[in-house]
Amino acid sequence: MTARGPATAAVCARHLGTSQASCSFHLRQLAKYGFVELAEVSEDRRERPWRLVDVEQEWSAVDGGPAADQLDRVFIEREAERMQTWRTASANMPEPWRRAAFLGGLTVPVTVTVTELEQIRDQLMAVVSPYVARLDDPSSRPVDSRLVRLLLSAVPLTHLDDFATDPLRRRRPDA
């Protein structure tokens, strides 16, 4: 729905290669949990287009349970697959897009607090929010624009927790 905008169950079914009934059921389930909502009704009142409530996917509550754990696992696998697909296909992409696209990571060389990590997240979201706003208004998209998947992740390096919390180890990494 993000890439194509609001869509009916029939449109989703064609895109996913599944039945309209199945998509209709799953769209209602997604609506039940606040992920999608009915979009503006089209001229044909029989059509019921749905739209995402928010383009940011996040379901990992502190105690999300097994379903949230499974969603996290699938999400991570699909994101890795998207990056691998780009890496493989990029040789055939226009050179300006190859130059602009990036895959990488950054380990923040200093420790941060929970509050600081929340500030980093909020600042990154503020940077991309003007571009996200274009999803709802196709006329605002530049002619040469493409959909881009941006993955934001910031996770504590748990295997280094003792380094972050032990003042002696911070001063002497060889300890």
N, C-alpha and C. Protein backbone atom coordinates (compact mmCIF):
# COMPACT_ATOMS: atom_id res chain seq x y z
N MET A 1 0.81 -1.20 0.00
CA MET A 1 0.00 0.00 0.00
C MET A 1 0.85 1.26 0.00
N THR A 2 1.99 1.24 0.64
CA THR A 2 2.82 2.43 0.68
C THR A 2 3.23 2.85 -0.71
N ALA A 3 3.76 1.92 -1.47
CA ALA A 3 4.28 2.25 -2.79
C ALA A 3 3.18 2.63 -3.76
N ARG A 4 2.05 1.98 -3.66
CA ARG A 4 0.99 2.18 -4.63
C ARG A 4 -0.12 3.09 -4.12
N GLY A 5 -0.05 3.50 -2.88
CA GLY A 5 -1.11 4.31 -2.31
C GLY A 5 -2.27 3.44 -1.87
N PRO A 6 -3.40 4.06 -1.57
CA PRO A 6 -4.57 3.29 -1.14
C PRO A 6 -4.91 2.22 -2.17
N ALA A 7 -5.37 1.09 -1.68
CA ALA A 7 -5.68 -0.02 -2.58
C ALA A 7 -6.85 -0.83 -2.03
N THR A 8 -7.61 -1.38 -2.94
CA THR A 8 -8.71 -2.27 -2.56
C THR A 8 -8.16 -3.68 -2.34
N ALA A 9 -8.99 -4.53 -1.78
CA ALA A 9 -8.60 -5.92 -1.60
C ALA A 9 -8.31 -6.57 -2.95
N ALA A 10 -9.07 -6.20 -3.98
CA ALA A 10 -8.85 -6.77 -5.32
C ALA A 10 -7.49 -6.37 -5.87
N VAL A 11 -7.11 -5.11 -5.69
CA VAL A 11 -5.80 -4.64 -6.17
C VAL A 11 -4.69 -5.35 -5.40
N CYS A 12 -4.85 -5.45 -4.09
CA CYS A 12 -3.84 -6.15 -3.28
C CYS A 12 -3.73 -7.61 -3.71
N ALA A 13 -4.85 -8.24 -3.99
CA ALA A 13 -4.84 -9.64 -4.40
C ALA A 13 -4.08 -9.83 -5.70
N ARG A 14 -4.31 -8.95 -6.68
CA ARG A 14 -3.58 -9.04 -7.95
C ARG A 14 -2.09 -8.84 -7.72
N HIS A 15 -1.74 -7.87 -6.89
CA HIS A 15 -0.32 -7.58 -6.63
C HIS A 15 0.37 -8.74 -5.91
N LEU A 16 -0.36 -9.37 -4.98
CA LEU A 16 0.23 -10.45 -4.17
C LEU A 16 0.04 -11.83 -4.77
N GLY A 17 -0.80 -11.93 -5.79
CA GLY A 17 -1.06 -13.23 -6.40
C GLY A 17 -1.86 -14.14 -5.50
N THR A 18 -2.84 -13.58 -4.81
CA THR A 18 -3.68 -14.36 -3.91
C THR A 18 -5.14 -14.00 -4.14
N SER A 19 -6.03 -14.53 -3.35
CA SER A 19 -7.46 -14.27 -3.56
C SER A 19 -7.89 -12.95 -2.94
N GLN A 20 -8.93 -12.38 -3.55
CA GLN A 20 -9.51 -11.15 -3.03
C GLN A 20 -10.09 -11.38 -1.64
N ALA A 21 -10.71 -12.52 -1.43
CA ALA A 21 -11.30 -12.84 -0.12
C ALA A 21 -10.23 -12.88 0.97
N SER A 22 -9.09 -13.49 0.65
CA SER A 22 -8.00 -13.56 1.62
C SER A 22 -7.48 -12.16 1.94
N CYS A 23 -7.28 -11.35 0.92
CA CYS A 23 -6.80 -9.98 1.15
C CYS A 23 -7.81 -9.17 1.95
N SER A 24 -9.09 -9.33 1.63
CA SER A 24 -10.13 -8.61 2.35
C SER A 24 -10.10 -8.98 3.84
N PHE A 25 -10.00 -10.27 4.12
CA PHE A 25 -9.92 -10.73 5.52
C PHE A 25 -8.70 -10.12 6.22
N HIS A 26 -7.55 -10.19 5.57
CA HIS A 26 -6.32 -9.70 6.20
C HIS A 26 -6.33 -8.18 6.35
N LEU A 27 -6.92 -7.47 5.41
CA LEU A 27 -7.03 -6.02 5.55
C LEU A 27 -7.90 -5.67 6.76
N ARG A 28 -8.99 -6.41 6.93
CA ARG A 28 -9.84 -6.16 8.12
C ARG A 28 -9.08 -6.47 9.40
N GLN A 29 -8.26 -7.52 9.40
CA GLN A 29 -7.45 -7.85 10.58
C GLN A 29 -6.43 -6.74 10.85
N LEU A 30 -5.79 -6.27 9.79
CA LEU A 30 -4.83 -5.17 9.96
C LEU A 30 -5.53 -3.92 10.49
N ALA A 31 -6.74 -3.67 10.03
CA ALA A 31 -7.50 -2.52 10.52
C ALA A 31 -7.85 -2.69 11.99
N LYS A 32 -8.21 -3.89 12.37
CA LYS A 32 -8.56 -4.19 13.76
C LYS A 32 -7.43 -3.81 14.71
N TYR A 33 -6.18 -3.98 14.26
CA TYR A 33 -5.03 -3.69 15.11
C TYR A 33 -4.37 -2.35 14.78
N GLY A 34 -5.05 -1.54 13.96
CA GLY A 34 -4.60 -0.17 13.74
C GLY A 34 -3.50 0.03 12.71
N PHE A 35 -3.24 -0.97 11.86
CA PHE A 35 -2.20 -0.82 10.85
C PHE A 35 -2.72 -0.17 9.56
N VAL A 36 -3.99 -0.41 9.21
CA VAL A 36 -4.60 0.19 8.03
C VAL A 36 -5.96 0.75 8.42
N GLU A 37 -6.48 1.61 7.53
CA GLU A 37 -7.82 2.16 7.72
C GLU A 37 -8.45 2.36 6.35
N LEU A 38 -9.76 2.52 6.34
CA LEU A 38 -10.43 2.79 5.08
C LEU A 38 -9.98 4.16 4.58
N ALA A 39 -9.66 4.23 3.30
CA ALA A 39 -9.27 5.49 2.68
C ALA A 39 -10.53 6.21 2.22
N GLU A 40 -10.37 7.34 1.57
CA GLU A 40 -11.52 8.05 1.03
C GLU A 40 -12.23 7.14 0.04
N VAL A 41 -13.53 7.13 0.12
CA VAL A 41 -14.33 6.29 -0.75
C VAL A 41 -14.26 6.83 -2.18
N SER A 42 -14.10 5.91 -3.13
CA SER A 42 -14.03 6.31 -4.53
C SER A 42 -15.43 6.60 -5.08
N GLU A 43 -15.50 6.98 -6.35
CA GLU A 43 -16.79 7.24 -6.98
C GLU A 43 -17.67 6.00 -6.96
N ASP A 44 -17.06 4.84 -7.13
CA ASP A 44 -17.79 3.58 -7.07
C ASP A 44 -17.85 3.16 -5.60
N ARG A 45 -18.98 3.36 -4.98
CA ARG A 45 -19.14 3.11 -3.54
C ARG A 45 -18.91 1.65 -3.16
N ARG A 46 -18.91 0.75 -4.15
CA ARG A 46 -18.67 -0.66 -3.85
C ARG A 46 -17.20 -0.92 -3.56
N GLU A 47 -16.34 -0.06 -4.08
CA GLU A 47 -14.90 -0.21 -3.83
C GLU A 47 -14.57 0.33 -2.46
N ARG A 48 -13.76 -0.43 -1.74
CA ARG A 48 -13.35 -0.02 -0.40
C ARG A 48 -11.83 0.05 -0.36
N PRO A 49 -11.26 1.19 -0.73
CA PRO A 49 -9.80 1.30 -0.68
C PRO A 49 -9.31 1.43 0.77
N TRP A 50 -8.17 0.81 1.02
CA TRP A 50 -7.54 0.85 2.34
C TRP A 50 -6.23 1.60 2.20
N ARG A 51 -5.79 2.20 3.30
CA ARG A 51 -4.50 2.87 3.30
C ARG A 51 -3.78 2.59 4.61
N LEU A 52 -2.45 2.67 4.55
CA LEU A 52 -1.67 2.50 5.77
C LEU A 52 -1.93 3.64 6.72
N VAL A 53 -1.99 3.36 7.99
CA VAL A 53 -2.16 4.40 8.99
C VAL A 53 -0.84 5.15 9.17
N ASP A 54 0.26 4.43 9.11
CA ASP A 54 1.58 5.02 9.29
C ASP A 54 2.57 4.26 8.44
N VAL A 55 3.48 4.97 7.78
CA VAL A 55 4.46 4.29 6.94
C VAL A 55 5.59 3.68 7.75
N GLU A 56 5.71 4.07 9.00
CA GLU A 56 6.74 3.50 9.86
C GLU A 56 6.21 2.21 10.47
N GLN A 57 6.93 1.12 10.24
CA GLN A 57 6.51 -0.15 10.81
C GLN A 57 7.22 -0.36 12.14
N GLU A 58 6.41 -0.53 13.17
CA GLU A 58 6.98 -0.82 14.48
C GLU A 58 5.93 -1.55 15.29
N TRP A 59 6.28 -2.72 15.75
CA TRP A 59 5.34 -3.52 16.53
C TRP A 59 6.01 -4.15 17.73
N SER A 60 7.28 -3.90 17.90
CA SER A 60 8.02 -4.53 18.99
C SER A 60 7.81 -3.77 20.29
N ALA A 61 6.76 -4.08 20.96
CA ALA A 61 6.55 -3.50 22.28
C ALA A 61 7.50 -4.19 23.25
N VAL A 62 7.65 -3.62 24.40
CA VAL A 62 8.54 -4.22 25.40
C VAL A 62 8.13 -5.66 25.65
N ASP A 63 6.83 -5.91 25.72
CA ASP A 63 6.34 -7.26 25.93
C ASP A 63 5.40 -7.63 24.79
N GLY A 64 5.95 -7.67 23.57
CA GLY A 64 5.15 -7.94 22.40
C GLY A 64 4.75 -9.39 22.24
N GLY A 65 5.41 -10.27 22.95
CA GLY A 65 5.07 -11.67 22.89
C GLY A 65 5.58 -12.37 21.64
N PRO A 66 5.19 -13.63 21.47
CA PRO A 66 5.70 -14.44 20.37
C PRO A 66 5.34 -13.90 18.99
N ALA A 67 4.16 -13.30 18.85
CA ALA A 67 3.76 -12.77 17.53
C ALA A 67 4.68 -11.63 17.12
N ALA A 68 4.98 -10.72 18.05
CA ALA A 68 5.88 -9.61 17.74
C ALA A 68 7.29 -10.13 17.47
N ASP A 69 7.72 -11.13 18.20
CA ASP A 69 9.04 -11.73 17.94
C ASP A 69 9.12 -12.29 16.52
N GLN A 70 8.06 -12.97 16.11
CA GLN A 70 8.02 -13.55 14.77
C GLN A 70 8.00 -12.45 13.71
N LEU A 71 7.21 -11.39 13.93
CA LEU A 71 7.18 -10.27 13.00
C LEU A 71 8.56 -9.63 12.88
N ASP A 72 9.25 -9.46 14.00
CA ASP A 72 10.60 -8.90 13.97
C ASP A 72 11.53 -9.77 13.12
N ARG A 73 11.46 -11.06 13.32
CA ARG A 73 12.33 -11.98 12.57
C ARG A 73 12.06 -11.88 11.08
N VAL A 74 10.78 -11.92 10.69
CA VAL A 74 10.43 -11.83 9.28
C VAL A 74 10.82 -10.47 8.71
N PHE A 75 10.60 -9.42 9.47
CA PHE A 75 10.97 -8.07 9.04
C PHE A 75 12.46 -7.98 8.74
N ILE A 76 13.28 -8.48 9.65
CA ILE A 76 14.73 -8.43 9.48
C ILE A 76 15.15 -9.24 8.26
N GLU A 77 14.57 -10.42 8.10
CA GLU A 77 14.90 -11.26 6.93
C GLU A 77 14.53 -10.56 5.62
N ARG A 78 13.35 -9.94 5.58
CA ARG A 78 12.92 -9.26 4.35
C ARG A 78 13.77 -8.04 4.05
N GLU A 79 14.16 -7.32 5.08
CA GLU A 79 15.02 -6.15 4.85
C GLU A 79 16.39 -6.60 4.32
N ALA A 80 16.93 -7.67 4.89
CA ALA A 80 18.20 -8.20 4.39
C ALA A 80 18.06 -8.64 2.94
N GLU A 81 16.93 -9.25 2.61
CA GLU A 81 16.68 -9.69 1.24
C GLU A 81 16.59 -8.49 0.29
N ARG A 82 15.92 -7.42 0.73
CA ARG A 82 15.85 -6.20 -0.10
C ARG A 82 17.24 -5.64 -0.37
N MET A 83 18.07 -5.60 0.65
CA MET A 83 19.43 -5.07 0.46
C MET A 83 20.23 -5.96 -0.47
N GLN A 84 20.09 -7.27 -0.32
CA GLN A 84 20.81 -8.20 -1.19
C GLN A 84 20.31 -8.08 -2.64
N THR A 85 19.01 -7.90 -2.82
CA THR A 85 18.44 -7.71 -4.16
C THR A 85 19.02 -6.46 -4.81
N TRP A 86 19.11 -5.38 -4.05
CA TRP A 86 19.71 -4.15 -4.59
C TRP A 86 21.17 -4.39 -4.97
N ARG A 87 21.90 -5.02 -4.08
CA ARG A 87 23.32 -5.27 -4.35
C ARG A 87 23.48 -6.04 -5.65
N THR A 88 22.65 -7.04 -5.86
CA THR A 88 22.73 -7.85 -7.07
C THR A 88 22.30 -7.07 -8.31
N ALA A 89 21.22 -6.30 -8.19
CA ALA A 89 20.66 -5.58 -9.34
C ALA A 89 21.36 -4.26 -9.62
N SER A 90 22.11 -3.74 -8.68
CA SER A 90 22.66 -2.39 -8.83
C SER A 90 23.58 -2.23 -10.03
N ALA A 91 24.25 -3.29 -10.45
CA ALA A 91 25.13 -3.19 -11.61
C ALA A 91 24.37 -2.78 -12.86
N ASN A 92 23.08 -3.06 -12.90
CA ASN A 92 22.26 -2.73 -14.07
C ASN A 92 21.44 -1.45 -13.87
N MET A 93 21.66 -0.77 -12.78
CA MET A 93 20.91 0.45 -12.49
C MET A 93 21.66 1.67 -13.02
N PRO A 94 20.94 2.77 -13.26
CA PRO A 94 21.62 3.99 -13.72
C PRO A 94 22.69 4.43 -12.72
N GLU A 95 23.78 4.93 -13.24
CA GLU A 95 24.93 5.31 -12.43
C GLU A 95 24.59 6.31 -11.32
N PRO A 96 23.77 7.33 -11.57
CA PRO A 96 23.45 8.25 -10.46
C PRO A 96 22.77 7.55 -9.28
N TRP A 97 21.92 6.56 -9.56
CA TRP A 97 21.27 5.82 -8.48
C TRP A 97 22.27 4.93 -7.75
N ARG A 98 23.22 4.36 -8.48
CA ARG A 98 24.26 3.54 -7.83
C ARG A 98 25.10 4.40 -6.89
N ARG A 99 25.40 5.62 -7.31
CA ARG A 99 26.20 6.54 -6.50
C ARG A 99 25.44 6.97 -5.24
N ALA A 100 24.15 7.23 -5.40
CA ALA A 100 23.35 7.76 -4.29
C ALA A 100 22.96 6.70 -3.27
N ALA A 101 22.74 5.48 -3.72
CA ALA A 101 22.32 4.42 -2.80
C ALA A 101 23.48 4.04 -1.88
N PHE A 102 23.16 3.57 -0.72
CA PHE A 102 24.22 3.18 0.21
C PHE A 102 23.77 2.04 1.10
N LEU A 103 24.70 1.20 1.44
CA LEU A 103 24.52 0.15 2.43
C LEU A 103 25.66 0.33 3.41
N GLY A 104 25.36 0.31 4.65
CA GLY A 104 26.44 0.47 5.61
C GLY A 104 25.91 0.48 7.03
N GLY A 105 26.81 0.63 7.92
CA GLY A 105 26.45 0.69 9.33
C GLY A 105 27.39 1.63 10.04
N LEU A 106 27.01 2.00 11.20
CA LEU A 106 27.81 2.93 11.99
C LEU A 106 27.72 2.49 13.44
N THR A 107 28.85 2.25 14.03
CA THR A 107 28.87 2.00 15.46
C THR A 107 29.24 3.32 16.12
N VAL A 108 28.32 3.83 16.91
CA VAL A 108 28.57 5.11 17.57
C VAL A 108 29.73 4.89 18.53
N PRO A 109 30.83 5.66 18.34
CA PRO A 109 32.05 5.38 19.10
C PRO A 109 32.00 5.78 20.56
N VAL A 110 30.89 6.32 21.00
CA VAL A 110 30.74 6.64 22.42
C VAL A 110 29.45 6.00 22.90
N THR A 111 29.34 5.82 24.17
CA THR A 111 28.10 5.26 24.70
C THR A 111 27.03 6.33 24.70
N VAL A 112 25.78 5.92 24.57
CA VAL A 112 24.65 6.84 24.62
C VAL A 112 23.65 6.32 25.64
N THR A 113 22.88 7.23 26.17
CA THR A 113 21.82 6.86 27.11
C THR A 113 20.55 6.53 26.33
N VAL A 114 19.57 6.00 27.01
CA VAL A 114 18.28 5.72 26.38
C VAL A 114 17.69 7.01 25.82
N THR A 115 17.74 8.08 26.59
CA THR A 115 17.20 9.37 26.14
C THR A 115 17.93 9.86 24.90
N GLU A 116 19.24 9.72 24.87
CA GLU A 116 20.01 10.15 23.70
C GLU A 116 19.68 9.31 22.47
N LEU A 117 19.49 8.02 22.67
CA LEU A 117 19.12 7.15 21.55
C LEU A 117 17.74 7.54 21.01
N GLU A 118 16.82 7.88 21.90
CA GLU A 118 15.50 8.35 21.46
C GLU A 118 15.63 9.65 20.67
N GLN A 119 16.53 10.54 21.11
CA GLN A 119 16.75 11.80 20.39
C GLN A 119 17.33 11.54 18.99
N ILE A 120 18.26 10.60 18.90
CA ILE A 120 18.84 10.24 17.60
C ILE A 120 17.74 9.74 16.67
N ARG A 121 16.91 8.83 17.19
CA ARG A 121 15.79 8.29 16.38
C ARG A 121 14.88 9.41 15.91
N ASP A 122 14.49 10.30 16.81
CA ASP A 122 13.57 11.38 16.47
C ASP A 122 14.19 12.33 15.45
N GLN A 123 15.47 12.62 15.57
CA GLN A 123 16.14 13.50 14.62
C GLN A 123 16.23 12.87 13.23
N LEU A 124 16.50 11.56 13.18
CA LEU A 124 16.54 10.88 11.88
C LEU A 124 15.15 10.89 11.23
N MET A 125 14.12 10.65 12.01
CA MET A 125 12.76 10.67 11.47
C MET A 125 12.40 12.08 10.97
N ALA A 126 12.86 13.10 11.67
CA ALA A 126 12.58 14.48 11.23
C ALA A 126 13.24 14.77 9.88
N VAL A 127 14.41 14.19 9.65
CA VAL A 127 15.11 14.40 8.38
C VAL A 127 14.30 13.81 7.22
N VAL A 128 13.72 12.65 7.39
CA VAL A 128 13.01 11.98 6.29
C VAL A 128 11.54 12.37 6.18
N SER A 129 10.97 13.01 7.18
CA SER A 129 9.53 13.28 7.16
C SER A 129 9.06 14.11 5.96
N PRO A 130 9.81 15.08 5.44
CA PRO A 130 9.31 15.79 4.24
C PRO A 130 9.16 14.87 3.03
N TYR A 131 9.99 13.86 2.94
CA TYR A 131 9.92 12.93 1.82
C TYR A 131 8.77 11.94 2.00
N VAL A 132 8.54 11.55 3.24
CA VAL A 132 7.44 10.64 3.55
C VAL A 132 6.11 11.31 3.21
N ALA A 133 6.02 12.62 3.41
CA ALA A 133 4.78 13.35 3.13
C ALA A 133 4.38 13.23 1.66
N ARG A 134 5.33 13.00 0.77
CA ARG A 134 5.03 12.87 -0.65
C ARG A 134 4.19 11.63 -0.97
N LEU A 135 4.20 10.64 -0.10
CA LEU A 135 3.45 9.41 -0.36
C LEU A 135 1.96 9.69 -0.51
N ASP A 136 1.45 10.65 0.25
CA ASP A 136 0.02 10.96 0.19
C ASP A 136 -0.35 11.91 -0.93
N ASP A 137 0.65 12.53 -1.56
CA ASP A 137 0.38 13.50 -2.62
C ASP A 137 1.27 13.23 -3.83
N PRO A 138 0.80 12.37 -4.74
CA PRO A 138 1.61 12.03 -5.91
C PRO A 138 2.05 13.24 -6.73
N SER A 139 1.28 14.31 -6.72
CA SER A 139 1.65 15.50 -7.50
C SER A 139 2.89 16.20 -6.92
N SER A 140 3.25 15.89 -5.69
CA SER A 140 4.42 16.53 -5.07
C SER A 140 5.73 15.79 -5.37
N ARG A 141 5.62 14.65 -6.04
CA ARG A 141 6.82 13.85 -6.32
C ARG A 141 7.53 14.36 -7.57
N PRO A 142 8.83 14.60 -7.48
CA PRO A 142 9.57 15.00 -8.68
C PRO A 142 9.48 13.92 -9.76
N VAL A 143 9.54 14.35 -11.01
CA VAL A 143 9.39 13.44 -12.13
C VAL A 143 10.42 12.31 -12.10
N ASP A 144 11.66 12.61 -11.74
CA ASP A 144 12.72 11.61 -11.76
C ASP A 144 12.88 10.86 -10.44
N SER A 145 11.85 10.93 -9.58
CA SER A 145 11.97 10.27 -8.27
C SER A 145 11.61 8.80 -8.36
N ARG A 146 12.11 8.04 -7.41
CA ARG A 146 11.83 6.61 -7.28
C ARG A 146 11.51 6.31 -5.83
N LEU A 147 10.78 5.24 -5.61
CA LEU A 147 10.57 4.78 -4.25
C LEU A 147 11.88 4.23 -3.72
N VAL A 148 12.19 4.57 -2.50
CA VAL A 148 13.43 4.12 -1.85
C VAL A 148 13.05 3.55 -0.49
N ARG A 149 13.60 2.43 -0.16
CA ARG A 149 13.37 1.82 1.15
C ARG A 149 14.50 2.28 2.06
N LEU A 150 14.16 2.93 3.14
CA LEU A 150 15.14 3.41 4.10
C LEU A 150 14.96 2.60 5.38
N LEU A 151 16.00 1.95 5.78
CA LEU A 151 15.96 1.12 6.98
C LEU A 151 16.72 1.85 8.08
N LEU A 152 16.03 2.14 9.16
CA LEU A 152 16.66 2.78 10.31
C LEU A 152 16.69 1.78 11.45
N SER A 153 17.83 1.59 12.02
CA SER A 153 17.95 0.65 13.11
C SER A 153 19.03 1.15 14.06
N ALA A 154 18.75 1.13 15.31
CA ALA A 154 19.75 1.45 16.32
C ALA A 154 19.54 0.48 17.47
N VAL A 155 20.48 -0.39 17.65
CA VAL A 155 20.35 -1.41 18.69
C VAL A 155 21.61 -1.44 19.54
N PRO A 156 21.44 -1.56 20.84
CA PRO A 156 22.62 -1.68 21.70
C PRO A 156 23.41 -2.94 21.35
N LEU A 157 24.71 -2.84 21.43
CA LEU A 157 25.59 -3.98 21.18
C LEU A 157 25.71 -4.76 22.48
N THR A 158 24.81 -5.70 22.66
CA THR A 158 24.70 -6.40 23.94
C THR A 158 25.96 -7.18 24.30
N HIS A 159 26.68 -7.64 23.30
CA HIS A 159 27.90 -8.39 23.61
C HIS A 159 29.00 -7.49 24.16
N LEU A 160 28.79 -6.17 24.10
CA LEU A 160 29.77 -5.23 24.65
C LEU A 160 29.21 -4.47 25.85
N ASP A 161 28.11 -4.94 26.42
CA ASP A 161 27.50 -4.23 27.54
C ASP A 161 28.46 -4.03 28.70
N ASP A 162 29.29 -5.00 29.00
CA ASP A 162 30.21 -4.83 30.12
C ASP A 162 31.21 -3.72 29.82
N PHE A 163 31.57 -3.53 28.57
CA PHE A 163 32.49 -2.45 28.18
C PHE A 163 31.82 -1.10 28.41
N ALA A 164 30.52 -1.00 28.08
CA ALA A 164 29.81 0.26 28.20
C ALA A 164 29.56 0.65 29.65
N THR A 165 29.42 -0.32 30.54
CA THR A 165 29.04 -0.01 31.91
C THR A 165 30.20 -0.07 32.89
N ASP A 166 31.32 -0.66 32.51
CA ASP A 166 32.45 -0.81 33.41
C ASP A 166 33.47 0.31 33.14
N PRO A 167 33.57 1.28 34.03
CA PRO A 167 34.46 2.42 33.80
C PRO A 167 35.92 2.01 33.55
N LEU A 168 36.38 0.96 34.21
CA LEU A 168 37.77 0.54 34.00
C LEU A 168 37.98 0.01 32.59
N ARG A 169 37.02 -0.74 32.08
CA ARG A 169 37.15 -1.28 30.71
C ARG A 169 37.06 -0.16 29.69
N ARG A 170 36.30 0.90 29.98
CA ARG A 170 36.22 2.01 29.03
C ARG A 170 37.56 2.69 28.91
N ARG A 171 38.29 2.78 30.00
CA ARG A 171 39.61 3.43 29.94
C ARG A 171 40.65 2.51 29.36
N ARG A 172 40.53 1.21 29.62
CA ARG A 172 41.53 0.24 29.17
C ARG A 172 40.85 -0.88 28.39
N PRO A 173 40.63 -0.70 27.08
CA PRO A 173 39.93 -1.72 26.30
C PRO A 173 40.62 -3.07 26.32
N ASP A 174 41.90 -3.14 26.66
CA ASP A 174 42.59 -4.42 26.66
C ASP A 174 42.38 -5.19 27.96
N ALA A 175 41.65 -4.61 28.91
CA ALA A 175 41.45 -5.26 30.22
C ALA A 175 40.50 -6.43 30.11
